[in-house]
Amino acid sequence: MRRLRLLLLPAVAALALAPPGRTADKESSGITVDREKRTVTIDAKGAPRKLPNLDKEYPIEVVASWPAPKGQKAHETIVTIDARPSEVHKALEGLGLKPGTPVKGDGEPKGPEGNVYLELPLEGGASRRVGIEKVLLDPKTETPAPKMKWRFTGSVESKVAPDKDEKAYGADLTGTLIALFPVTNETVFQTQLTMKEEKFLKLETNKKVLPKEGTPVKLILEVPAK
């Protein structure tokens, strides 16, 4: 028992030194939680709009996904991430949020609302924060994407393989973190957009706002205080 107490002392001391209200360090997964600002920040990169194995570009349907070949939506995302979606889920729960219910196809997703931003680099080491809608546009009309509501839905549990009963956090199997349309319920965040809108709202990234492919950026999830 004495040995166990001695082993615990360094960890307790480290917690005591952490600034109140926020995490002391960035997690190894590339996720940073700021309890004072109520944000979860994820390391990301500008995603390629065309993958080498595909013959064309596909409209944007998700905001953040694992890169190819792991990410099932890597061909239609704004940014790629390496973080596990379930770790982002836990970080949001750590801010006091309870996940709602995701949808696929018809229906309305449920869950607490938040805001989604990208922090983009500027010359001289500065940066600027923009809402996701600012980096998307309708290529036919050159008009920005409509204002969206973002909900922390959490992911469904999915089978790890068709022939097995074992299940896992679905978004950890597909790598999808945030979905614009209800094309998947294996995601952590969803908007209010429906599949009816998905048929005619074909969105593209705004290259005048986003930096070039592969540029490191920050994906920020902000949740209001209770």
C-alpha atoms as a PDB file:
ATOM      1  CA  MET A   1       0.000   0.000   0.000  1.00  0.00           C
ATOM      2  CA  ARG A   2       2.829   2.411   0.833  1.00  0.00           C
ATOM      3  CA  ARG A   3       4.444   1.752  -2.547  1.00  0.00           C
ATOM      4  CA  LEU A   4       1.142   2.453  -4.343  1.00  0.00           C
ATOM      5  CA  ARG A   5       0.791   5.800  -2.554  1.00  0.00           C
ATOM      6  CA  LEU A   6       4.302   6.817  -3.597  1.00  0.00           C
ATOM      7  CA  LEU A   7       3.558   5.981  -7.223  1.00  0.00           C
ATOM      8  CA  LEU A   8       0.445   8.128  -7.171  1.00  0.00           C
ATOM      9  CA  LEU A   9       2.135  11.212  -5.756  1.00  0.00           C
ATOM     10  CA  PRO A  10       3.729  12.458  -9.038  1.00  0.00           C
ATOM     11  CA  ALA A  11       0.421  12.244 -10.890  1.00  0.00           C
ATOM     12  CA  VAL A  12      -1.399  14.122  -8.143  1.00  0.00           C
ATOM     13  CA  ALA A  13       1.294  16.799  -8.109  1.00  0.00           C
ATOM     14  CA  ALA A  14       1.025  17.257 -11.881  1.00  0.00           C
ATOM     15  CA  LEU A  15      -2.713  17.815 -11.601  1.00  0.00           C
ATOM     16  CA  ALA A  16      -2.200  20.354  -8.872  1.00  0.00           C
ATOM     17  CA  LEU A  17       0.160  22.343 -11.108  1.00  0.00           C
ATOM     18  CA  ALA A  18      -2.286  22.503 -14.026  1.00  0.00           C
ATOM     19  CA  PRO A  19      -4.006  25.899 -14.491  1.00  0.00           C
ATOM     20  CA  PRO A  20      -7.554  25.831 -13.084  1.00  0.00           C
ATOM     21  CA  GLY A  21     -10.320  25.416 -15.617  1.00  0.00           C
ATOM     22  CA  ARG A  22      -8.218  24.074 -18.488  1.00  0.00           C
ATOM     23  CA  THR A  23      -6.073  21.117 -19.453  1.00  0.00           C
ATOM     24  CA  ALA A  24      -2.344  21.354 -18.765  1.00  0.00           C
ATOM     25  CA  ASP A  25      -1.106  19.908 -22.057  1.00  0.00           C
ATOM     26  CA  LYS A  26      -2.257  18.894 -25.483  1.00  0.00           C
ATOM     27  CA  GLU A  27      -3.183  15.244 -25.613  1.00  0.00           C
ATOM     28  CA  SER A  28      -0.982  12.962 -27.694  1.00  0.00           C
ATOM     29  CA  SER A  29      -3.872  12.377 -30.101  1.00  0.00           C
ATOM     30  CA  GLY A  30      -3.793  15.986 -31.306  1.00  0.00           C
ATOM     31  CA  ILE A  31      -6.789  17.078 -29.223  1.00  0.00           C
ATOM     32  CA  THR A  32      -6.662  20.079 -26.899  1.00  0.00           C
ATOM     33  CA  VAL A  33      -9.425  20.895 -24.427  1.00  0.00           C
ATOM     34  CA  ASP A  34      -9.871  24.409 -23.037  1.00  0.00           C
ATOM     35  CA  ARG A  35     -12.402  24.295 -20.223  1.00  0.00           C
ATOM     36  CA  GLU A  36     -12.521  28.057 -19.790  1.00  0.00           C
ATOM     37  CA  LYS A  37     -13.293  28.765 -23.453  1.00  0.00           C
ATOM     38  CA  ARG A  38     -15.276  25.512 -23.694  1.00  0.00           C
ATOM     39  CA  THR A  39     -13.528  24.408 -26.849  1.00  0.00           C
ATOM     40  CA  VAL A  40     -12.130  21.173 -28.208  1.00  0.00           C
ATOM     41  CA  THR A  41      -9.386  21.826 -30.763  1.00  0.00           C
ATOM     42  CA  ILE A  42      -8.219  19.104 -33.145  1.00  0.00           C
ATOM     43  CA  ASP A  43      -5.091  19.144 -35.300  1.00  0.00           C
ATOM     44  CA  ALA A  44      -6.076  18.904 -38.971  1.00  0.00           C
ATOM     45  CA  LYS A  45      -4.833  19.425 -42.531  1.00  0.00           C
ATOM     46  CA  GLY A  46      -6.426  20.711 -45.696  1.00  0.00           C
ATOM     47  CA  ALA A  47      -7.796  17.679 -47.525  1.00  0.00           C
ATOM     48  CA  PRO A  48      -7.184  16.841 -51.201  1.00  0.00           C
ATOM     49  CA  ARG A  49     -10.245  17.380 -53.351  1.00  0.00           C
ATOM     50  CA  LYS A  50      -9.421  14.492 -55.673  1.00  0.00           C
ATOM     51  CA  LEU A  51      -7.962  11.173 -54.661  1.00  0.00           C
ATOM     52  CA  PRO A  52      -5.587   9.357 -57.038  1.00  0.00           C
ATOM     53  CA  ASN A  53      -7.823   6.287 -57.267  1.00  0.00           C
ATOM     54  CA  LEU A  54     -10.928   8.275 -58.283  1.00  0.00           C
ATOM     55  CA  ASP A  55     -11.716   9.782 -61.674  1.00  0.00           C
ATOM     56  CA  LYS A  56     -13.394  12.976 -60.399  1.00  0.00           C
ATOM     57  CA  GLU A  57     -13.998  15.295 -57.460  1.00  0.00           C
ATOM     58  CA  TYR A  58     -17.052  14.619 -55.312  1.00  0.00           C
ATOM     59  CA  PRO A  59     -19.126  17.309 -53.563  1.00  0.00           C
ATOM     60  CA  ILE A  60     -18.319  18.044 -49.925  1.00  0.00           C
ATOM     61  CA  GLU A  61     -20.500  16.005 -47.566  1.00  0.00           C
ATOM     62  CA  VAL A  62     -18.414  15.942 -44.381  1.00  0.00           C
ATOM     63  CA  VAL A  63     -16.215  18.451 -42.580  1.00  0.00           C
ATOM     64  CA  ALA A  64     -13.561  16.217 -41.055  1.00  0.00           C
ATOM     65  CA  SER A  65     -12.452  12.658 -41.726  1.00  0.00           C
ATOM     66  CA  TRP A  66      -9.443  10.412 -41.484  1.00  0.00           C
ATOM     67  CA  PRO A  67      -7.320  10.605 -44.647  1.00  0.00           C
ATOM     68  CA  ALA A  68      -7.454   7.908 -47.318  1.00  0.00           C
ATOM     69  CA  PRO A  69      -7.424   4.984 -47.314  1.00  0.00           C
ATOM     70  CA  LYS A  70      -8.679   4.693 -43.707  1.00  0.00           C
ATOM     71  CA  GLY A  71     -11.297   7.417 -43.978  1.00  0.00           C
ATOM     72  CA  GLN A  72     -14.433   6.297 -45.793  1.00  0.00           C
ATOM     73  CA  LYS A  73     -15.360   9.922 -46.565  1.00  0.00           C
ATOM     74  CA  ALA A  74     -11.839  11.135 -47.368  1.00  0.00           C
ATOM     75  CA  HIS A  75     -12.901  11.978 -50.939  1.00  0.00           C
ATOM     76  CA  GLU A  76     -15.571  14.480 -49.828  1.00  0.00           C
ATOM     77  CA  THR A  77     -14.148  16.229 -46.770  1.00  0.00           C
ATOM     78  CA  ILE A  78     -12.753  19.701 -46.017  1.00  0.00           C
ATOM     79  CA  VAL A  79      -9.987  18.607 -43.638  1.00  0.00           C
ATOM     80  CA  THR A  80      -8.374  15.364 -42.567  1.00  0.00           C
ATOM     81  CA  ILE A  81      -7.559  14.426 -38.979  1.00  0.00           C
ATOM     82  CA  ASP A  82      -5.644  11.689 -37.198  1.00  0.00           C
ATOM     83  CA  ALA A  83      -7.589  11.839 -33.916  1.00  0.00           C
ATOM     84  CA  ARG A  84     -10.038   9.081 -33.089  1.00  0.00           C
ATOM     85  CA  PRO A  85     -13.629  10.349 -33.192  1.00  0.00           C
ATOM     86  CA  SER A  86     -14.376   8.580 -29.901  1.00  0.00           C
ATOM     87  CA  GLU A  87     -11.629  10.640 -28.216  1.00  0.00           C
ATOM     88  CA  VAL A  88     -13.289  13.840 -29.454  1.00  0.00           C
ATOM     89  CA  HIS A  89     -16.587  12.469 -28.109  1.00  0.00           C
ATOM     90  CA  LYS A  90     -15.008  11.937 -24.674  1.00  0.00           C
ATOM     91  CA  ALA A  91     -13.507  15.428 -24.738  1.00  0.00           C
ATOM     92  CA  LEU A  92     -16.951  16.932 -25.366  1.00  0.00           C
ATOM     93  CA  GLU A  93     -18.438  14.887 -22.557  1.00  0.00           C
ATOM     94  CA  GLY A  94     -15.643  16.246 -20.377  1.00  0.00           C
ATOM     95  CA  LEU A  95     -17.105  19.720 -20.974  1.00  0.00           C
ATOM     96  CA  GLY A  96     -20.407  18.515 -19.543  1.00  0.00           C
ATOM     97  CA  LEU A  97     -22.228  17.667 -22.777  1.00  0.00           C
ATOM     98  CA  LYS A  98     -24.433  14.642 -23.273  1.00  0.00           C
ATOM     99  CA  PRO A  99     -24.630  13.218 -26.811  1.00  0.00           C
ATOM    100  CA  GLY A 100     -27.960  13.087 -28.584  1.00  0.00           C
ATOM    101  CA  THR A 101     -29.015  10.816 -31.437  1.00  0.00           C
ATOM    102  CA  PRO A 102     -27.514  10.749 -34.953  1.00  0.00           C
ATOM    103  CA  VAL A 103     -29.594  10.001 -38.035  1.00  0.00           C
ATOM    104  CA  LYS A 104     -28.977   8.413 -41.397  1.00  0.00           C
ATOM    105  CA  GLY A 105     -31.430   9.239 -44.158  1.00  0.00           C
ATOM    106  CA  ASP A 106     -34.725  10.677 -42.933  1.00  0.00           C
ATOM    107  CA  GLY A 107     -35.150  12.163 -39.498  1.00  0.00           C
ATOM    108  CA  GLU A 108     -33.732  14.980 -37.400  1.00  0.00           C
ATOM    109  CA  PRO A 109     -30.505  14.615 -35.416  1.00  0.00           C
ATOM    110  CA  LYS A 110     -30.719  15.450 -31.741  1.00  0.00           C
ATOM    111  CA  GLY A 111     -28.120  16.746 -29.333  1.00  0.00           C
ATOM    112  CA  PRO A 112     -26.697  19.907 -27.772  1.00  0.00           C
ATOM    113  CA  GLU A 113     -25.762  22.638 -30.227  1.00  0.00           C
ATOM    114  CA  GLY A 114     -22.249  23.933 -30.759  1.00  0.00           C
ATOM    115  CA  ASN A 115     -20.171  25.932 -33.204  1.00  0.00           C
ATOM    116  CA  VAL A 116     -17.580  24.636 -35.664  1.00  0.00           C
ATOM    117  CA  TYR A 117     -14.634  26.741 -36.808  1.00  0.00           C
ATOM    118  CA  LEU A 118     -11.358  26.426 -38.650  1.00  0.00           C
ATOM    119  CA  GLU A 119      -8.323  28.336 -37.447  1.00  0.00           C
ATOM    120  CA  LEU A 120      -6.324  29.171 -40.560  1.00  0.00           C
ATOM    121  CA  PRO A 121      -2.669  30.294 -40.659  1.00  0.00           C
ATOM    122  CA  LEU A 122      -1.677  33.763 -41.845  1.00  0.00           C
ATOM    123  CA  GLU A 123       1.693  35.208 -42.781  1.00  0.00           C
ATOM    124  CA  GLY A 124       3.997  36.043 -39.905  1.00  0.00           C
ATOM    125  CA  GLY A 125       2.712  33.263 -37.661  1.00  0.00           C
ATOM    126  CA  ALA A 126      -0.699  34.813 -37.055  1.00  0.00           C
ATOM    127  CA  SER A 127      -4.002  33.016 -37.620  1.00  0.00           C
ATOM    128  CA  ARG A 128      -7.684  33.749 -38.090  1.00  0.00           C
ATOM    129  CA  ARG A 129     -10.797  31.848 -37.110  1.00  0.00           C
ATOM    130  CA  VAL A 130     -13.630  31.342 -39.602  1.00  0.00           C
ATOM    131  CA  GLY A 131     -16.926  29.476 -39.441  1.00  0.00           C
ATOM    132  CA  ILE A 132     -17.164  26.366 -41.587  1.00  0.00           C
ATOM    133  CA  GLU A 133     -19.812  28.027 -43.757  1.00  0.00           C
ATOM    134  CA  LYS A 134     -17.173  30.599 -44.813  1.00  0.00           C
ATOM    135  CA  VAL A 135     -15.008  27.918 -46.429  1.00  0.00           C
ATOM    136  CA  LEU A 136     -17.844  26.365 -48.439  1.00  0.00           C
ATOM    137  CA  LEU A 137     -19.756  27.635 -51.468  1.00  0.00           C
ATOM    138  CA  ASP A 138     -22.156  26.566 -54.176  1.00  0.00           C
ATOM    139  CA  PRO A 139     -19.880  26.388 -57.248  1.00  0.00           C
ATOM    140  CA  LYS A 140     -22.761  27.095 -59.665  1.00  0.00           C
ATOM    141  CA  THR A 141     -23.827  30.352 -58.035  1.00  0.00           C
ATOM    142  CA  GLU A 142     -20.584  31.205 -56.180  1.00  0.00           C
ATOM    143  CA  THR A 143     -22.715  31.868 -53.094  1.00  0.00           C
ATOM    144  CA  PRO A 144     -21.641  30.819 -49.573  1.00  0.00           C
ATOM    145  CA  ALA A 145     -23.108  27.785 -47.874  1.00  0.00           C
ATOM    146  CA  PRO A 146     -26.242  28.422 -45.799  1.00  0.00           C
ATOM    147  CA  LYS A 147     -25.974  28.914 -42.056  1.00  0.00           C
ATOM    148  CA  MET A 148     -25.967  25.559 -40.310  1.00  0.00           C
ATOM    149  CA  LYS A 149     -26.810  24.270 -36.854  1.00  0.00           C
ATOM    150  CA  TRP A 150     -24.288  21.857 -35.419  1.00  0.00           C
ATOM    151  CA  ARG A 151     -25.316  19.140 -32.963  1.00  0.00           C
ATOM    152  CA  PHE A 152     -23.271  16.799 -30.810  1.00  0.00           C
ATOM    153  CA  THR A 153     -25.058  13.578 -31.664  1.00  0.00           C
ATOM    154  CA  GLY A 154     -22.426  10.982 -30.920  1.00  0.00           C
ATOM    155  CA  SER A 155     -22.105   7.903 -33.088  1.00  0.00           C
ATOM    156  CA  VAL A 156     -24.057   4.681 -33.329  1.00  0.00           C
ATOM    157  CA  GLU A 157     -22.405   1.415 -32.391  1.00  0.00           C
ATOM    158  CA  SER A 158     -21.545  -0.656 -35.470  1.00  0.00           C
ATOM    159  CA  LYS A 159     -20.342  -4.180 -36.159  1.00  0.00           C
ATOM    160  CA  VAL A 160     -16.584  -4.402 -36.609  1.00  0.00           C
ATOM    161  CA  ALA A 161     -17.225  -6.982 -39.368  1.00  0.00           C
ATOM    162  CA  PRO A 162     -20.397  -8.275 -41.071  1.00  0.00           C
ATOM    163  CA  ASP A 163     -19.788 -11.815 -39.842  1.00  0.00           C
ATOM    164  CA  LYS A 164     -19.105 -10.845 -36.216  1.00  0.00           C
ATOM    165  CA  ASP A 165     -21.351  -9.758 -33.352  1.00  0.00           C
ATOM    166  CA  GLU A 166     -18.651  -7.543 -31.846  1.00  0.00           C
ATOM    167  CA  LYS A 167     -19.481  -3.830 -32.011  1.00  0.00           C
ATOM    168  CA  ALA A 168     -17.471  -0.632 -31.670  1.00  0.00           C
ATOM    169  CA  TYR A 169     -17.973   3.129 -31.795  1.00  0.00           C
ATOM    170  CA  GLY A 170     -19.080   3.480 -35.409  1.00  0.00           C
ATOM    171  CA  ALA A 171     -17.180   6.679 -36.180  1.00  0.00           C
ATOM    172  CA  ASP A 172     -13.958   4.934 -35.153  1.00  0.00           C
ATOM    173  CA  LEU A 173     -14.571   2.427 -37.930  1.00  0.00           C
ATOM    174  CA  THR A 174     -15.240   4.994 -40.674  1.00  0.00           C
ATOM    175  CA  GLY A 175     -13.099   7.886 -39.438  1.00  0.00           C
ATOM    176  CA  THR A 176     -15.889  10.445 -39.940  1.00  0.00           C
ATOM    177  CA  LEU A 177     -15.979  13.178 -37.296  1.00  0.00           C
ATOM    178  CA  ILE A 178     -18.470  15.754 -38.637  1.00  0.00           C
ATOM    179  CA  ALA A 179     -21.123  15.227 -41.325  1.00  0.00           C
ATOM    180  CA  LEU A 180     -22.942  17.966 -43.252  1.00  0.00           C
ATOM    181  CA  PHE A 181     -25.708  15.692 -44.502  1.00  0.00           C
ATOM    182  CA  PRO A 182     -27.239  12.587 -42.864  1.00  0.00           C
ATOM    183  CA  VAL A 183     -25.363  10.269 -45.222  1.00  0.00           C
ATOM    184  CA  THR A 184     -23.999   8.467 -42.163  1.00  0.00           C
ATOM    185  CA  ASN A 185     -24.846   8.027 -38.501  1.00  0.00           C
ATOM    186  CA  GLU A 186     -21.281   6.922 -37.782  1.00  0.00           C
ATOM    187  CA  THR A 187     -20.177  10.428 -36.875  1.00  0.00           C
ATOM    188  CA  VAL A 188     -19.878  12.712 -33.831  1.00  0.00           C
ATOM    189  CA  PHE A 189     -21.449  15.954 -35.118  1.00  0.00           C
ATOM    190  CA  GLN A 190     -24.271  16.517 -37.626  1.00  0.00           C
ATOM    191  CA  THR A 191     -26.081  19.552 -39.043  1.00  0.00           C
ATOM    192  CA  GLN A 192     -29.786  20.160 -39.576  1.00  0.00           C
ATOM    193  CA  LEU A 193     -29.421  19.650 -43.343  1.00  0.00           C
ATOM    194  CA  THR A 194     -31.529  16.810 -44.758  1.00  0.00           C
ATOM    195  CA  MET A 195     -31.159  14.331 -47.593  1.00  0.00           C
ATOM    196  CA  LYS A 196     -33.628  16.425 -49.607  1.00  0.00           C
ATOM    197  CA  GLU A 197     -31.168  19.294 -49.506  1.00  0.00           C
ATOM    198  CA  GLU A 198     -28.279  16.956 -50.270  1.00  0.00           C
ATOM    199  CA  LYS A 199     -29.812  16.296 -53.697  1.00  0.00           C
ATOM    200  CA  PHE A 200     -29.468  19.892 -54.904  1.00  0.00           C
ATOM    201  CA  LEU A 201     -26.963  21.522 -52.518  1.00  0.00           C
ATOM    202  CA  LYS A 202     -23.632  20.437 -53.994  1.00  0.00           C
ATOM    203  CA  LEU A 203     -20.946  22.241 -52.025  1.00  0.00           C
ATOM    204  CA  GLU A 204     -17.313  22.911 -52.863  1.00  0.00           C
ATOM    205  CA  THR A 205     -14.463  24.353 -50.825  1.00  0.00           C
ATOM    206  CA  ASN A 206     -13.758  28.052 -51.245  1.00  0.00           C
ATOM    207  CA  LYS A 207     -10.165  28.116 -52.444  1.00  0.00           C
ATOM    208  CA  LYS A 208      -9.980  31.857 -51.806  1.00  0.00           C
ATOM    209  CA  VAL A 209     -10.376  31.188 -48.092  1.00  0.00           C
ATOM    210  CA  LEU A 210      -8.771  27.798 -47.507  1.00  0.00           C
ATOM    211  CA  PRO A 211      -4.976  27.393 -47.717  1.00  0.00           C
ATOM    212  CA  LYS A 212      -3.485  24.847 -50.092  1.00  0.00           C
ATOM    213  CA  GLU A 213      -3.874  21.108 -49.646  1.00  0.00           C
ATOM    214  CA  GLY A 214      -1.896  19.629 -46.750  1.00  0.00           C
ATOM    215  CA  THR A 215      -1.581  22.905 -44.817  1.00  0.00           C
ATOM    216  CA  PRO A 216      -1.862  22.346 -41.041  1.00  0.00           C
ATOM    217  CA  VAL A 217      -4.969  23.986 -39.580  1.00  0.00           C
ATOM    218  CA  LYS A 218      -6.987  23.725 -36.369  1.00  0.00           C
ATOM    219  CA  LEU A 219     -10.542  22.392 -36.218  1.00  0.00           C
ATOM    220  CA  ILE A 220     -12.363  23.975 -33.280  1.00  0.00           C
ATOM    221  CA  LEU A 221     -15.567  22.723 -31.654  1.00  0.00           C
ATOM    222  CA  GLU A 222     -17.049  25.329 -29.337  1.00  0.00           C
ATOM    223  CA  VAL A 223     -19.933  24.584 -26.982  1.00  0.00           C
ATOM    224  CA  PRO A 224     -21.920  27.183 -25.040  1.00  0.00           C
ATOM    225  CA  ALA A 225     -22.006  27.256 -21.263  1.00  0.00           C
ATOM    226  CA  LYS A 226     -25.008  25.662 -19.623  1.00  0.00           C
END
